[in-house]
Amino acid sequence: MTDSEHYQKLKLELRRGVLILAVLAELREEHYGYSLRKNLMTKGLEIDEGTLYPLIRRLEKQALLTSEWREEGNRKKRFYRLSEIGEKTLEKLTKDWQQVESTLNNILQ
């Protein structure tokens, strides 16, 4: 494995947990998959469909999201939003993230 491949693998691991927090935070407002991905990309977080959709399904299976199918523009779309458990989890994870970020900033300085 080259240095570049090794770096890319580590970078991917670093992003994995961040993606969960970002998706939960973005789903405080209702989105369907494409609009969620577009909003995250607009805010600087690129995520491909092959990563996003399995993540959304996993979060829904864990009862952190709710979803419903609706017709919009002659197409059926599945809209997602944080559940009550998801809101509480996001609040706790945000506090945890802030603590980790603060600690890591102290270590990196």
C-alpha atoms as a PDB file:
ATOM      1  CA  MET A   1       0.000   0.000   0.000  1.00  0.00           C
ATOM      2  CA  THR A   2       1.378   3.416  -0.953  1.00  0.00           C
ATOM      3  CA  ASP A   3       1.490   6.363   1.438  1.00  0.00           C
ATOM      4  CA  SER A   4      -1.341   7.970  -0.525  1.00  0.00           C
ATOM      5  CA  GLU A   5      -3.547   4.854  -0.288  1.00  0.00           C
ATOM      6  CA  HIS A   6      -2.808   4.568   3.419  1.00  0.00           C
ATOM      7  CA  TYR A   7      -3.712   8.224   3.940  1.00  0.00           C
ATOM      8  CA  GLN A   8      -6.964   7.852   1.969  1.00  0.00           C
ATOM      9  CA  LYS A   9      -7.971   4.842   4.083  1.00  0.00           C
ATOM     10  CA  LEU A  10      -7.317   6.741   7.333  1.00  0.00           C
ATOM     11  CA  LYS A  11      -9.154   9.785   6.027  1.00  0.00           C
ATOM     12  CA  LEU A  12     -12.159   7.590   5.249  1.00  0.00           C
ATOM     13  CA  GLU A  13     -12.155   6.187   8.786  1.00  0.00           C
ATOM     14  CA  LEU A  14     -11.969   9.702  10.221  1.00  0.00           C
ATOM     15  CA  ARG A  15     -14.956  10.837   8.144  1.00  0.00           C
ATOM     16  CA  ARG A  16     -17.180   7.856   8.990  1.00  0.00           C
ATOM     17  CA  GLY A  17     -18.323   9.101  12.407  1.00  0.00           C
ATOM     18  CA  VAL A  18     -18.544  12.675  11.205  1.00  0.00           C
ATOM     19  CA  LEU A  19     -20.980  11.624   8.475  1.00  0.00           C
ATOM     20  CA  ILE A  20     -23.400  10.177  11.011  1.00  0.00           C
ATOM     21  CA  LEU A  21     -23.419  13.386  13.029  1.00  0.00           C
ATOM     22  CA  ALA A  22     -23.807  15.524   9.898  1.00  0.00           C
ATOM     23  CA  VAL A  23     -26.710  13.450   8.551  1.00  0.00           C
ATOM     24  CA  LEU A  24     -28.514  13.519  11.901  1.00  0.00           C
ATOM     25  CA  ALA A  25     -28.013  17.279  12.182  1.00  0.00           C
ATOM     26  CA  GLU A  26     -29.238  17.909   8.643  1.00  0.00           C
ATOM     27  CA  LEU A  27     -32.336  15.786   9.240  1.00  0.00           C
ATOM     28  CA  ARG A  28     -33.604  18.143  11.908  1.00  0.00           C
ATOM     29  CA  GLU A  29     -35.427  19.367   8.807  1.00  0.00           C
ATOM     30  CA  GLU A  30     -37.190  16.933   6.511  1.00  0.00           C
ATOM     31  CA  HIS A  31     -35.367  15.805   3.367  1.00  0.00           C
ATOM     32  CA  TYR A  32     -35.534  13.110   0.756  1.00  0.00           C
ATOM     33  CA  GLY A  33     -32.270  11.414  -0.155  1.00  0.00           C
ATOM     34  CA  TYR A  34     -31.200  13.643  -3.028  1.00  0.00           C
ATOM     35  CA  SER A  35     -32.037  16.901  -1.212  1.00  0.00           C
ATOM     36  CA  LEU A  36     -30.141  15.663   1.858  1.00  0.00           C
ATOM     37  CA  ARG A  37     -27.074  14.865  -0.229  1.00  0.00           C
ATOM     38  CA  LYS A  38     -27.312  18.200  -2.048  1.00  0.00           C
ATOM     39  CA  ASN A  39     -27.575  20.160   1.224  1.00  0.00           C
ATOM     40  CA  LEU A  40     -24.602  18.359   2.742  1.00  0.00           C
ATOM     41  CA  MET A  41     -22.538  19.039  -0.391  1.00  0.00           C
ATOM     42  CA  THR A  42     -23.555  22.720  -0.373  1.00  0.00           C
ATOM     43  CA  LYS A  43     -22.251  22.920   3.196  1.00  0.00           C
ATOM     44  CA  GLY A  44     -18.944  21.344   2.163  1.00  0.00           C
ATOM     45  CA  LEU A  45     -19.465  17.677   3.004  1.00  0.00           C
ATOM     46  CA  GLU A  46     -19.316  15.447  -0.045  1.00  0.00           C
ATOM     47  CA  ILE A  47     -20.987  12.075   0.314  1.00  0.00           C
ATOM     48  CA  ASP A  48     -21.745   9.638  -2.472  1.00  0.00           C
ATOM     49  CA  GLU A  49     -25.047   7.838  -2.841  1.00  0.00           C
ATOM     50  CA  GLY A  50     -23.448   4.471  -2.106  1.00  0.00           C
ATOM     51  CA  THR A  51     -22.540   5.770   1.346  1.00  0.00           C
ATOM     52  CA  LEU A  52     -25.556   7.956   2.094  1.00  0.00           C
ATOM     53  CA  TYR A  53     -28.449   5.605   1.378  1.00  0.00           C
ATOM     54  CA  PRO A  54     -27.157   2.646   3.422  1.00  0.00           C
ATOM     55  CA  LEU A  55     -26.403   5.082   6.265  1.00  0.00           C
ATOM     56  CA  ILE A  56     -29.936   6.492   6.172  1.00  0.00           C
ATOM     57  CA  ARG A  57     -31.443   2.998   6.186  1.00  0.00           C
ATOM     58  CA  ARG A  58     -29.248   1.983   9.121  1.00  0.00           C
ATOM     59  CA  LEU A  59     -30.200   5.104  11.107  1.00  0.00           C
ATOM     60  CA  GLU A  60     -33.877   4.447  10.422  1.00  0.00           C
ATOM     61  CA  LYS A  61     -33.515   0.819  11.507  1.00  0.00           C
ATOM     62  CA  GLN A  62     -31.978   2.126  14.756  1.00  0.00           C
ATOM     63  CA  ALA A  63     -35.130   4.281  15.234  1.00  0.00           C
ATOM     64  CA  LEU A  64     -33.157   7.530  14.930  1.00  0.00           C
ATOM     65  CA  LEU A  65     -35.113   8.561  11.817  1.00  0.00           C
ATOM     66  CA  THR A  66     -38.667   8.323  10.629  1.00  0.00           C
ATOM     67  CA  SER A  67     -39.683   8.277   6.995  1.00  0.00           C
ATOM     68  CA  GLU A  68     -42.721   8.423   4.806  1.00  0.00           C
ATOM     69  CA  TRP A  69     -43.381   8.039   1.099  1.00  0.00           C
ATOM     70  CA  ARG A  70     -45.038  10.998  -0.610  1.00  0.00           C
ATOM     71  CA  GLU A  71     -45.683  11.983  -4.154  1.00  0.00           C
ATOM     72  CA  GLU A  72     -43.935  15.138  -5.287  1.00  0.00           C
ATOM     73  CA  GLY A  73     -43.871  16.268  -8.892  1.00  0.00           C
ATOM     74  CA  ASN A  74     -45.456  13.021 -10.137  1.00  0.00           C
ATOM     75  CA  ARG A  75     -42.729  10.986  -8.399  1.00  0.00           C
ATOM     76  CA  LYS A  76     -42.841   9.075  -5.142  1.00  0.00           C
ATOM     77  CA  LYS A  77     -40.078  10.155  -2.774  1.00  0.00           C
ATOM     78  CA  ARG A  78     -39.175   8.930   0.674  1.00  0.00           C
ATOM     79  CA  PHE A  79     -38.842  11.805   3.122  1.00  0.00           C
ATOM     80  CA  TYR A  80     -36.716  11.422   6.263  1.00  0.00           C
ATOM     81  CA  ARG A  81     -36.661  13.321   9.531  1.00  0.00           C
ATOM     82  CA  LEU A  82     -35.187  12.835  12.986  1.00  0.00           C
ATOM     83  CA  SER A  83     -37.364  10.861  15.370  1.00  0.00           C
ATOM     84  CA  GLU A  84     -37.726  11.889  18.999  1.00  0.00           C
ATOM     85  CA  ILE A  85     -34.988   9.397  19.904  1.00  0.00           C
ATOM     86  CA  GLY A  86     -32.902  10.812  17.047  1.00  0.00           C
ATOM     87  CA  GLU A  87     -33.251  14.351  18.403  1.00  0.00           C
ATOM     88  CA  LYS A  88     -32.098  13.274  21.867  1.00  0.00           C
ATOM     89  CA  THR A  89     -29.249  11.254  20.375  1.00  0.00           C
ATOM     90  CA  LEU A  90     -28.155  14.184  18.201  1.00  0.00           C
ATOM     91  CA  GLU A  91     -28.091  16.447  21.249  1.00  0.00           C
ATOM     92  CA  LYS A  92     -25.875  14.004  23.164  1.00  0.00           C
ATOM     93  CA  LEU A  93     -23.595  13.308  20.191  1.00  0.00           C
ATOM     94  CA  THR A  94     -23.179  17.034  19.574  1.00  0.00           C
ATOM     95  CA  LYS A  95     -21.987  17.532  23.146  1.00  0.00           C
ATOM     96  CA  ASP A  96     -19.663  14.537  22.791  1.00  0.00           C
ATOM     97  CA  TRP A  97     -18.319  15.904  19.497  1.00  0.00           C
ATOM     98  CA  GLN A  98     -17.651  19.311  21.052  1.00  0.00           C
ATOM     99  CA  GLN A  99     -15.750  17.657  23.910  1.00  0.00           C
ATOM    100  CA  VAL A 100     -13.708  15.498  21.536  1.00  0.00           C
ATOM    101  CA  GLU A 101     -12.980  18.487  19.304  1.00  0.00           C
ATOM    102  CA  SER A 102     -11.823  20.575  22.261  1.00  0.00           C
ATOM    103  CA  THR A 103      -9.618  17.776  23.597  1.00  0.00           C
ATOM    104  CA  LEU A 104      -8.139  17.044  20.196  1.00  0.00           C
ATOM    105  CA  ASN A 105      -7.414  20.718  19.562  1.00  0.00           C
ATOM    106  CA  ASN A 106      -5.482  20.807  22.853  1.00  0.00           C
ATOM    107  CA  ILE A 107      -3.508  17.731  21.852  1.00  0.00           C
ATOM    108  CA  LEU A 108      -2.759  18.988  18.340  1.00  0.00           C
ATOM    109  CA  GLN A 109      -1.449  22.375  19.492  1.00  0.00           C
END
